[in-house]
């Protein structure tokens, strides 16, 4: 596998994530799209760490940092989703505006 192949796959995954984020109205599907985008970015970090001739541990360390931040973000987002579903019995994004009432 070459650098170009890895970057092309990462670009395609990121595009799928953007498309899913812009196209979906369901919160869980939007969270999955964000996760796909973050995994594409992680794939870039690992790819550049693998193909660089210098220190290859920098990409892996940054990748672990992104995974930890993503886990915290998903926990908070899922708490918001559960709160929204308990109040409105719907997971439509347009209903999110009414949560502040």
PDB file of N, CA and C in Angstrom:
ATOM      1  N   UNK A   1       0.855  -1.179   0.000  1.00  0.00           N
ATOM      2  CA  UNK A   1       0.000   0.000   0.000  1.00  0.00           C
ATOM      3  C   UNK A   1       0.896   1.235   0.000  1.00  0.00           C
ATOM      4  N   UNK A   2       0.582   2.172  -0.856  1.00  0.00           N
ATOM      5  CA  UNK A   2       1.397   3.370  -0.992  1.00  0.00           C
ATOM      6  C   UNK A   2       0.773   4.522  -0.213  1.00  0.00           C
ATOM      7  N   UNK A   3       1.531   5.591  -0.135  1.00  0.00           N
ATOM      8  CA  UNK A   3       1.053   6.784   0.550  1.00  0.00           C
ATOM      9  C   UNK A   3      -0.182   7.344  -0.146  1.00  0.00           C
ATOM     10  N   UNK A   4      -0.178   7.355  -1.459  1.00  0.00           N
ATOM     11  CA  UNK A   4      -1.308   7.885  -2.211  1.00  0.00           C
ATOM     12  C   UNK A   4      -2.578   7.073  -1.970  1.00  0.00           C
ATOM     13  N   UNK A   5      -2.454   5.753  -1.915  1.00  0.00           N
ATOM     14  CA  UNK A   5      -3.627   4.910  -1.660  1.00  0.00           C
ATOM     15  C   UNK A   5      -4.226   5.179  -0.283  1.00  0.00           C
ATOM     16  N   UNK A   6      -3.369   5.307   0.714  1.00  0.00           N
ATOM     17  CA  UNK A   6      -3.855   5.568   2.067  1.00  0.00           C
ATOM     18  C   UNK A   6      -4.525   6.934   2.160  1.00  0.00           C
ATOM     19  N   UNK A   7      -3.919   7.934   1.538  1.00  0.00           N
ATOM     20  CA  UNK A   7      -4.505   9.269   1.578  1.00  0.00           C
ATOM     21  C   UNK A   7      -5.807   9.341   0.795  1.00  0.00           C
ATOM     22  N   UNK A   8      -5.897   8.608  -0.297  1.00  0.00           N
ATOM     23  CA  UNK A   8      -7.123   8.568  -1.074  1.00  0.00           C
ATOM     24  C   UNK A   8      -8.251   7.898  -0.285  1.00  0.00           C
ATOM     25  N   UNK A   9      -7.945   6.806   0.395  1.00  0.00           N
ATOM     26  CA  UNK A   9      -8.943   6.148   1.229  1.00  0.00           C
ATOM     27  C   UNK A   9      -9.393   7.061   2.367  1.00  0.00           C
ATOM     28  N   UNK A  10      -8.465   7.769   2.971  1.00  0.00           N
ATOM     29  CA  UNK A  10      -8.806   8.695   4.040  1.00  0.00           C
ATOM     30  C   UNK A  10      -9.679   9.834   3.519  1.00  0.00           C
ATOM     31  N   UNK A  11      -9.368  10.333   2.329  1.00  0.00           N
ATOM     32  CA  UNK A  11     -10.164  11.397   1.723  1.00  0.00           C
ATOM     33  C   UNK A  11     -11.585  10.915   1.428  1.00  0.00           C
ATOM     34  N   UNK A  12     -11.711   9.701   0.936  1.00  0.00           N
ATOM     35  CA  UNK A  12     -13.040   9.145   0.655  1.00  0.00           C
ATOM     36  C   UNK A  12     -13.840   8.976   1.940  1.00  0.00           C
ATOM     37  N   UNK A  13     -13.199   8.478   2.993  1.00  0.00           N
ATOM     38  CA  UNK A  13     -13.891   8.340   4.277  1.00  0.00           C
ATOM     39  C   UNK A  13     -14.330   9.689   4.828  1.00  0.00           C
ATOM     40  N   UNK A  14     -13.458  10.682   4.706  1.00  0.00           N
ATOM     41  CA  UNK A  14     -13.813  12.016   5.184  1.00  0.00           C
ATOM     42  C   UNK A  14     -14.977  12.584   4.376  1.00  0.00           C
ATOM     43  N   UNK A  15     -14.987  12.359   3.075  1.00  0.00           N
ATOM     44  CA  UNK A  15     -16.095  12.811   2.234  1.00  0.00           C
ATOM     45  C   UNK A  15     -17.405  12.139   2.600  1.00  0.00           C
ATOM     46  N   UNK A  16     -17.353  10.831   2.893  1.00  0.00           N
ATOM     47  CA  UNK A  16     -18.561  10.129   3.327  1.00  0.00           C
ATOM     48  C   UNK A  16     -19.063  10.711   4.642  1.00  0.00           C
ATOM     49  N   UNK A  17     -18.151  11.034   5.533  1.00  0.00           N
ATOM     50  CA  UNK A  17     -18.543  11.641   6.809  1.00  0.00           C
ATOM     51  C   UNK A  17     -19.184  13.010   6.628  1.00  0.00           C
ATOM     52  N   UNK A  18     -18.606  13.840   5.763  1.00  0.00           N
ATOM     53  CA  UNK A  18     -19.185  15.160   5.489  1.00  0.00           C
ATOM     54  C   UNK A  18     -20.569  15.025   4.871  1.00  0.00           C
ATOM     55  N   UNK A  19     -20.698  14.107   3.902  1.00  0.00           N
ATOM     56  CA  UNK A  19     -21.988  13.891   3.259  1.00  0.00           C
ATOM     57  C   UNK A  19     -23.029  13.432   4.272  1.00  0.00           C
ATOM     58  N   UNK A  20     -22.654  12.508   5.132  1.00  0.00           N
ATOM     59  CA  UNK A  20     -23.588  12.028   6.156  1.00  0.00           C
ATOM     60  C   UNK A  20     -23.960  13.107   7.151  1.00  0.00           C
ATOM     61  N   UNK A  21     -23.014  13.954   7.496  1.00  0.00           N
ATOM     62  CA  UNK A  21     -23.298  15.019   8.453  1.00  0.00           C
ATOM     63  C   UNK A  21     -24.238  16.061   7.868  1.00  0.00           C
ATOM     64  N   UNK A  22     -24.056  16.389   6.615  1.00  0.00           N
ATOM     65  CA  UNK A  22     -24.893  17.406   5.987  1.00  0.00           C
ATOM     66  C   UNK A  22     -26.248  16.867   5.554  1.00  0.00           C
ATOM     67  N   UNK A  23     -26.342  15.585   5.290  1.00  0.00           N
ATOM     68  CA  UNK A  23     -27.556  15.012   4.719  1.00  0.00           C
ATOM     69  C   UNK A  23     -28.527  14.475   5.769  1.00  0.00           C
ATOM     70  N   UNK A  24     -28.043  14.003   6.884  1.00  0.00           N
ATOM     71  CA  UNK A  24     -28.887  13.346   7.876  1.00  0.00           C
ATOM     72  C   UNK A  24     -29.511  14.347   8.839  1.00  0.00           C
ATOM     73  N   UNK A  25     -30.668  14.009   9.356  1.00  0.00           N
ATOM     74  CA  UNK A  25     -31.355  14.803  10.370  1.00  0.00           C
ATOM     75  C   UNK A  25     -31.474  14.055  11.681  1.00  0.00           C
ATOM     76  N   UNK A  26     -31.048  12.809  11.717  1.00  0.00           N
ATOM     77  CA  UNK A  26     -31.117  11.998  12.927  1.00  0.00           C
ATOM     78  C   UNK A  26     -29.809  12.179  13.686  1.00  0.00           C
ATOM     79  N   UNK A  27     -29.890  12.444  14.987  1.00  0.00           N
ATOM     80  CA  UNK A  27     -28.682  12.778  15.750  1.00  0.00           C
ATOM     81  C   UNK A  27     -27.684  11.637  15.827  1.00  0.00           C
ATOM     82  N   UNK A  28     -28.157  10.416  15.962  1.00  0.00           N
ATOM     83  CA  UNK A  28     -27.226   9.292  16.065  1.00  0.00           C
ATOM     84  C   UNK A  28     -26.472   9.106  14.751  1.00  0.00           C
ATOM     85  N   UNK A  29     -27.162   9.259  13.623  1.00  0.00           N
ATOM     86  CA  UNK A  29     -26.495   9.162  12.325  1.00  0.00           C
ATOM     87  C   UNK A  29     -25.475  10.286  12.152  1.00  0.00           C
ATOM     88  N   UNK A  30     -25.777  11.466  12.679  1.00  0.00           N
ATOM     89  CA  UNK A  30     -24.825  12.568  12.603  1.00  0.00           C
ATOM     90  C   UNK A  30     -23.590  12.291  13.466  1.00  0.00           C
ATOM     91  N   UNK A  31     -23.777  11.674  14.624  1.00  0.00           N
ATOM     92  CA  UNK A  31     -22.640  11.320  15.472  1.00  0.00           C
ATOM     93  C   UNK A  31     -21.769  10.267  14.806  1.00  0.00           C
ATOM     94  N   UNK A  32     -22.387   9.323  14.116  1.00  0.00           N
ATOM     95  CA  UNK A  32     -21.617   8.313  13.398  1.00  0.00           C
ATOM     96  C   UNK A  32     -20.824   8.963  12.267  1.00  0.00           C
ATOM     97  N   UNK A  33     -21.412   9.947  11.599  1.00  0.00           N
ATOM     98  CA  UNK A  33     -20.698  10.657  10.530  1.00  0.00           C
ATOM     99  C   UNK A  33     -19.495  11.411  11.081  1.00  0.00           C
ATOM    100  N   UNK A  34     -19.653  12.029  12.224  1.00  0.00           N
ATOM    101  CA  UNK A  34     -18.524  12.718  12.857  1.00  0.00           C
ATOM    102  C   UNK A  34     -17.437  11.719  13.227  1.00  0.00           C
ATOM    103  N   UNK A  35     -17.834  10.551  13.699  1.00  0.00           N
ATOM    104  CA  UNK A  35     -16.863   9.518  14.043  1.00  0.00           C
ATOM    105  C   UNK A  35     -16.101   9.038  12.809  1.00  0.00           C
ATOM    106  N   UNK A  36     -16.785   8.915  11.676  1.00  0.00           N
ATOM    107  CA  UNK A  36     -16.113   8.524  10.431  1.00  0.00           C
ATOM    108  C   UNK A  36     -15.099   9.587  10.024  1.00  0.00           C
ATOM    109  N   UNK A  37     -15.455  10.854  10.175  1.00  0.00           N
ATOM    110  CA  UNK A  37     -14.526  11.929   9.833  1.00  0.00           C
ATOM    111  C   UNK A  37     -13.291  11.904  10.736  1.00  0.00           C
ATOM    112  N   UNK A  38     -13.476  11.674  12.016  1.00  0.00           N
ATOM    113  CA  UNK A  38     -12.344  11.619  12.934  1.00  0.00           C
ATOM    114  C   UNK A  38     -11.462  10.402  12.668  1.00  0.00           C
ATOM    115  N   UNK A  39     -12.067   9.299  12.278  1.00  0.00           N
ATOM    116  CA  UNK A  39     -11.272   8.126  11.926  1.00  0.00           C
ATOM    117  C   UNK A  39     -10.468   8.358  10.653  1.00  0.00           C
ATOM    118  N   UNK A  40     -11.010   9.128   9.725  1.00  0.00           N
ATOM    119  CA  UNK A  40     -10.249   9.476   8.525  1.00  0.00           C
ATOM    120  C   UNK A  40      -9.044  10.341   8.889  1.00  0.00           C
ATOM    121  N   UNK A  41      -9.235  11.273   9.809  1.00  0.00           N
ATOM    122  CA  UNK A  41      -8.101  12.094  10.255  1.00  0.00           C
ATOM    123  C   UNK A  41      -7.063  11.237  10.977  1.00  0.00           C
ATOM    124  N   UNK A  42      -7.513  10.303  11.800  1.00  0.00           N
ATOM    125  CA  UNK A  42      -6.579   9.395  12.475  1.00  0.00           C
ATOM    126  C   UNK A  42      -5.812   8.544  11.475  1.00  0.00           C
ATOM    127  N   UNK A  43      -6.492   8.150  10.424  1.00  0.00           N
ATOM    128  CA  UNK A  43      -5.819   7.365   9.391  1.00  0.00           C
ATOM    129  C   UNK A  43      -4.711   8.187   8.719  1.00  0.00           C
ATOM    130  N   UNK A  44      -4.952   9.484   8.543  1.00  0.00           N
ATOM    131  CA  UNK A  44      -3.911  10.359   8.000  1.00  0.00           C
ATOM    132  C   UNK A  44      -2.708  10.426   8.934  1.00  0.00           C
ATOM    133  N   UNK A  45      -2.957  10.574  10.225  1.00  0.00           N
ATOM    134  CA  UNK A  45      -1.850  10.646  11.188  1.00  0.00           C
ATOM    135  C   UNK A  45      -1.015   9.369  11.158  1.00  0.00           C
ATOM    136  N   UNK A  46      -1.679   8.228  11.154  1.00  0.00           N
ATOM    137  CA  UNK A  46      -0.957   6.959  11.144  1.00  0.00           C
ATOM    138  C   UNK A  46      -0.217   6.760   9.827  1.00  0.00           C
ATOM    139  N   UNK A  47      -0.835   7.173   8.725  1.00  0.00           N
ATOM    140  CA  UNK A  47      -0.195   7.032   7.416  1.00  0.00           C
ATOM    141  C   UNK A  47       1.086   7.858   7.338  1.00  0.00           C
ATOM    142  N   UNK A  48       1.001   9.114   7.764  1.00  0.00           N
ATOM    143  CA  UNK A  48       2.198   9.957   7.713  1.00  0.00           C
ATOM    144  C   UNK A  48       3.252   9.488   8.711  1.00  0.00           C
ATOM    145  N   UNK A  49       2.832   8.935   9.835  1.00  0.00           N
ATOM    146  CA  UNK A  49       3.808   8.398  10.782  1.00  0.00           C
ATOM    147  C   UNK A  49       4.496   7.163  10.205  1.00  0.00           C
ATOM    148  N   UNK A  50       3.745   6.349   9.483  1.00  0.00           N
ATOM    149  CA  UNK A  50       4.312   5.137   8.898  1.00  0.00           C
ATOM    150  C   UNK A  50       5.285   5.453   7.762  1.00  0.00           C
ATOM    151  N   UNK A  51       4.937   6.413   6.921  1.00  0.00           N
ATOM    152  CA  UNK A  51       5.752   6.709   5.750  1.00  0.00           C
ATOM    153  C   UNK A  51       6.834   7.756   6.011  1.00  0.00           C
ATOM    154  N   UNK A  52       6.888   8.349   7.174  1.00  0.00           N
ATOM    155  CA  UNK A  52       7.947   9.324   7.448  1.00  0.00           C
ATOM    156  C   UNK A  52       9.217   8.594   7.869  1.00  0.00           C
ATOM    157  N   UNK A  53      10.327   9.162   7.479  1.00  0.00           N
ATOM    158  CA  UNK A  53      11.619   8.545   7.788  1.00  0.00           C
ATOM    159  C   UNK A  53      12.108   8.942   9.179  1.00  0.00           C
ATOM    160  N   UNK A  54      11.474   9.966   9.743  1.00  0.00           N
ATOM    161  CA  UNK A  54      11.917  10.462  11.043  1.00  0.00           C
ATOM    162  C   UNK A  54      11.203   9.697  12.160  1.00  0.00           C
ATOM    163  N   UNK A  55      10.864  10.383  13.208  1.00  0.00           N
ATOM    164  CA  UNK A  55      10.227   9.785  14.374  1.00  0.00           C
ATOM    165  C   UNK A  55       8.809   9.325  14.021  1.00  0.00           C
ATOM    166  N   UNK A  56       8.555   8.047  14.087  1.00  0.00           N
ATOM    167  CA  UNK A  56       7.244   7.520  13.700  1.00  0.00           C
ATOM    168  C   UNK A  56       6.280   7.425  14.869  1.00  0.00           C
ATOM    169  N   UNK A  57       6.726   7.754  16.060  1.00  0.00           N
ATOM    170  CA  UNK A  57       5.828   7.645  17.213  1.00  0.00           C
ATOM    171  C   UNK A  57       4.960   8.892  17.398  1.00  0.00           C
ATOM    172  N   UNK A  58       5.292   9.986  16.735  1.00  0.00           N
ATOM    173  CA  UNK A  58       4.525  11.220  16.915  1.00  0.00           C
ATOM    174  C   UNK A  58       3.102  11.069  16.399  1.00  0.00           C
ATOM    175  N   UNK A  59       2.932  10.427  15.260  1.00  0.00           N
ATOM    176  CA  UNK A  59       1.590  10.215  14.714  1.00  0.00           C
ATOM    177  C   UNK A  59       0.762   9.309  15.588  1.00  0.00           C
ATOM    178  N   UNK A  60       1.375   8.281  16.158  1.00  0.00           N
ATOM    179  CA  UNK A  60       0.653   7.352  17.021  1.00  0.00           C
ATOM    180  C   UNK A  60       0.236   8.019  18.324  1.00  0.00           C
ATOM    181  N   UNK A  61       1.102   8.851  18.874  1.00  0.00           N
ATOM    182  CA  UNK A  61       0.766   9.549  20.116  1.00  0.00           C
ATOM    183  C   UNK A  61      -0.371  10.533  19.882  1.00  0.00           C
ATOM    184  N   UNK A  62      -0.316  11.261  18.789  1.00  0.00           N
ATOM    185  CA  UNK A  62      -1.385  12.200  18.474  1.00  0.00           C
ATOM    186  C   UNK A  62      -2.681  11.455  18.184  1.00  0.00           C
ATOM    187  N   UNK A  63      -2.585  10.287  17.581  1.00  0.00           N
ATOM    188  CA  UNK A  63      -3.745   9.462  17.316  1.00  0.00           C
ATOM    189  C   UNK A  63      -4.420   9.035  18.625  1.00  0.00           C
ATOM    190  N   UNK A  64      -3.650   8.641  19.608  1.00  0.00           N
ATOM    191  CA  UNK A  64      -4.214   8.262  20.905  1.00  0.00           C
ATOM    192  C   UNK A  64      -4.881   9.459  21.589  1.00  0.00           C
ATOM    193  N   UNK A  65      -4.299  10.625  21.443  1.00  0.00           N
ATOM    194  CA  UNK A  65      -4.897  11.834  22.004  1.00  0.00           C
ATOM    195  C   UNK A  65      -6.253  12.119  21.344  1.00  0.00           C
ATOM    196  N   UNK A  66      -6.329  11.979  20.024  1.00  0.00           N
ATOM    197  CA  UNK A  66      -7.589  12.217  19.308  1.00  0.00           C
ATOM    198  C   UNK A  66      -8.636  11.199  19.717  1.00  0.00           C
ATOM    199  N   UNK A  67      -8.245   9.951  19.905  1.00  0.00           N
ATOM    200  CA  UNK A  67      -9.194   8.920  20.334  1.00  0.00           C
ATOM    201  C   UNK A  67      -9.735   9.235  21.722  1.00  0.00           C
ATOM    202  N   UNK A  68      -8.904   9.708  22.626  1.00  0.00           N
ATOM    203  CA  UNK A  68      -9.366  10.055  23.973  1.00  0.00           C
ATOM    204  C   UNK A  68     -10.336  11.235  23.945  1.00  0.00           C
ATOM    205  N   UNK A  69     -10.021  12.251  23.164  1.00  0.00           N
ATOM    206  CA  UNK A  69     -10.915  13.404  23.046  1.00  0.00           C
ATOM    207  C   UNK A  69     -12.227  13.002  22.385  1.00  0.00           C
ATOM    208  N   UNK A  70     -12.166  12.112  21.403  1.00  0.00           N
ATOM    209  CA  UNK A  70     -13.373  11.642  20.730  1.00  0.00           C
ATOM    210  C   UNK A  70     -14.264  10.860  21.682  1.00  0.00           C
ATOM    211  N   UNK A  71     -13.673  10.054  22.542  1.00  0.00           N
ATOM    212  CA  UNK A  71     -14.474   9.305  23.510  1.00  0.00           C
ATOM    213  C   UNK A  71     -15.210  10.244  24.459  1.00  0.00           C
ATOM    214  N   UNK A  72     -14.545  11.297  24.913  1.00  0.00           N
ATOM    215  CA  UNK A  72     -15.200  12.285  25.779  1.00  0.00           C
ATOM    216  C   UNK A  72     -16.301  13.020  25.028  1.00  0.00           C
ATOM    217  N   UNK A  73     -16.038  13.377  23.795  1.00  0.00           N
ATOM    218  CA  UNK A  73     -17.038  14.087  22.995  1.00  0.00           C
ATOM    219  C   UNK A  73     -18.268  13.224  22.756  1.00  0.00           C
ATOM    220  N   UNK A  74     -18.072  11.957  22.465  1.00  0.00           N
ATOM    221  CA  UNK A  74     -19.204  11.062  22.220  1.00  0.00           C
ATOM    222  C   UNK A  74     -20.011  10.825  23.492  1.00  0.00           C
ATOM    223  N   UNK A  75     -19.358  10.776  24.637  1.00  0.00           N
ATOM    224  CA  UNK A  75     -20.094  10.601  25.889  1.00  0.00           C
ATOM    225  C   UNK A  75     -21.001  11.800  26.148  1.00  0.00           C
ATOM    226  N   UNK A  76     -20.498  12.994  25.923  1.00  0.00           N
ATOM    227  CA  UNK A  76     -21.311  14.197  26.112  1.00  0.00           C
ATOM    228  C   UNK A  76     -22.431  14.265  25.081  1.00  0.00           C
ATOM    229  N   UNK A  77     -22.121  13.934  23.838  1.00  0.00           N
ATOM    230  CA  UNK A  77     -23.139  13.975  22.782  1.00  0.00           C
ATOM    231  C   UNK A  77     -24.238  12.953  23.030  1.00  0.00           C
ATOM    232  N   UNK A  78     -23.885  11.767  23.483  1.00  0.00           N
ATOM    233  CA  UNK A  78     -24.905  10.766  23.767  1.00  0.00           C
ATOM    234  C   UNK A  78     -25.747  11.155  24.979  1.00  0.00           C
ATOM    235  N   UNK A  79     -25.166  11.859  25.931  1.00  0.00           N
ATOM    236  CA  UNK A  79     -25.962  12.367  27.052  1.00  0.00           C
ATOM    237  C   UNK A  79     -26.987  13.389  26.566  1.00  0.00           C
ATOM    238  N   UNK A  80     -26.591  14.230  25.628  1.00  0.00           N
ATOM    239  CA  UNK A  80     -27.531  15.194  25.038  1.00  0.00           C
ATOM    240  C   UNK A  80     -28.622  14.471  24.271  1.00  0.00           C
ATOM    241  N   UNK A  81     -28.254  13.420  23.537  1.00  0.00           N
ATOM    242  CA  UNK A  81     -29.244  12.654  22.778  1.00  0.00           C
ATOM    243  C   UNK A  81     -30.258  12.001  23.717  1.00  0.00           C
ATOM    244  N   UNK A  82     -29.788  11.414  24.798  1.00  0.00           N
ATOM    245  CA  UNK A  82     -30.701  10.776  25.759  1.00  0.00           C
ATOM    246  C   UNK A  82     -31.614  11.811  26.391  1.00  0.00           C
ATOM    247  N   UNK A  83     -31.071  12.969  26.753  1.00  0.00           N
ATOM    248  CA  UNK A  83     -31.884  14.039  27.325  1.00  0.00           C
ATOM    249  C   UNK A  83     -32.943  14.524  26.344  1.00  0.00           C
ATOM    250  N   UNK A  84     -32.547  14.652  25.096  1.00  0.00           N
ATOM    251  CA  UNK A  84     -33.502  15.105  24.085  1.00  0.00           C
ATOM    252  C   UNK A  84     -34.601  14.073  23.863  1.00  0.00           C
ATOM    253  N   UNK A  85     -34.235  12.809  23.834  1.00  0.00           N
ATOM    254  CA  UNK A  85     -35.241  11.781  23.603  1.00  0.00           C
ATOM    255  C   UNK A  85     -36.211  11.679  24.784  1.00  0.00           C
ATOM    256  N   UNK A  86     -35.724  11.864  25.997  1.00  0.00           N
ATOM    257  CA  UNK A  86     -36.609  11.801  27.164  1.00  0.00           C
ATOM    258  C   UNK A  86     -37.615  12.947  27.178  1.00  0.00           C
ATOM    259  N   UNK A  87     -37.202  14.097  26.691  1.00  0.00           N
ATOM    260  CA  UNK A  87     -38.112  15.253  26.712  1.00  0.00           C
ATOM    261  C   UNK A  87     -39.049  15.299  25.520  1.00  0.00           C
ATOM    262  N   UNK A  88     -38.566  14.985  24.330  1.00  0.00           N
ATOM    263  CA  UNK A  88     -39.352  15.189  23.112  1.00  0.00           C
ATOM    264  C   UNK A  88     -39.772  13.901  22.412  1.00  0.00           C
ATOM    265  N   UNK A  89     -39.232  12.759  22.817  1.00  0.00           N
ATOM    266  CA  UNK A  89     -39.513  11.469  22.183  1.00  0.00           C
ATOM    267  C   UNK A  89     -39.231  11.498  20.688  1.00  0.00           C
ATOM    268  N   UNK A  90     -38.192  12.226  20.319  1.00  0.00           N
ATOM    269  CA  UNK A  90     -37.768  12.324  18.932  1.00  0.00           C
ATOM    270  C   UNK A  90     -36.284  12.649  18.903  1.00  0.00           C
ATOM    271  N   UNK A  91     -35.603  12.209  17.851  1.00  0.00           N
ATOM    272  CA  UNK A  91     -34.185  12.514  17.692  1.00  0.00           C
ATOM    273  C   UNK A  91     -33.937  13.360  16.454  1.00  0.00           C
ATOM    274  N   UNK A  92     -34.928  14.130  16.047  1.00  0.00           N
ATOM    275  CA  UNK A  92     -34.795  15.013  14.897  1.00  0.00           C
ATOM    276  C   UNK A  92     -34.005  16.250  15.304  1.00  0.00           C
ATOM    277  N   UNK A  93     -33.098  16.682  14.441  1.00  0.00           N
ATOM    278  CA  UNK A  93     -32.245  17.825  14.745  1.00  0.00           C
ATOM    279  C   UNK A  93     -33.063  19.107  14.890  1.00  0.00           C
ATOM    280  N   UNK A  94     -34.125  19.225  14.144  1.00  0.00           N
ATOM    281  CA  UNK A  94     -34.957  20.423  14.226  1.00  0.00           C
ATOM    282  C   UNK A  94     -35.630  20.560  15.582  1.00  0.00           C
ATOM    283  N   UNK A  95     -35.812  19.462  16.295  1.00  0.00           N
ATOM    284  CA  UNK A  95     -36.381  19.502  17.638  1.00  0.00           C
ATOM    285  C   UNK A  95     -35.368  19.974  18.681  1.00  0.00           C
ATOM    286  N   UNK A  96     -34.104  20.010  18.331  1.00  0.00           N
ATOM    287  CA  UNK A  96     -33.058  20.402  19.273  1.00  0.00           C
ATOM    288  C   UNK A  96     -33.223  21.848  19.714  1.00  0.00           C
ATOM    289  N   UNK A  97     -33.785  22.690  18.889  1.00  0.00           N
ATOM    290  CA  UNK A  97     -33.987  24.095  19.251  1.00  0.00           C
ATOM    291  C   UNK A  97     -34.928  24.238  20.436  1.00  0.00           C
ATOM    292  N   UNK A  98     -35.840  23.296  20.599  1.00  0.00           N
ATOM    293  CA  UNK A  98     -36.839  23.405  21.662  1.00  0.00           C
ATOM    294  C   UNK A  98     -36.312  22.872  23.000  1.00  0.00           C
ATOM    295  N   UNK A  99     -35.084  22.418  23.092  1.00  0.00           N
ATOM    296  CA  UNK A  99     -34.548  21.915  24.345  1.00  0.00           C
ATOM    297  C   UNK A  99     -34.313  23.024  25.371  1.00  0.00           C
ATOM    298  N   UNK A 100     -34.082  24.232  24.938  1.00  0.00           N
ATOM    299  CA  UNK A 100     -33.800  25.299  25.878  1.00  0.00           C
ATOM    300  C   UNK A 100     -35.032  25.807  26.600  1.00  0.00           C
ATOM    301  N   UNK A 101     -36.198  25.372  26.207  1.00  0.00           N
ATOM    302  CA  UNK A 101     -37.446  25.820  26.842  1.00  0.00           C
ATOM    303  C   UNK A 101     -37.672  25.142  28.160  1.00  0.00           C
TER     304      UNK A 101
END
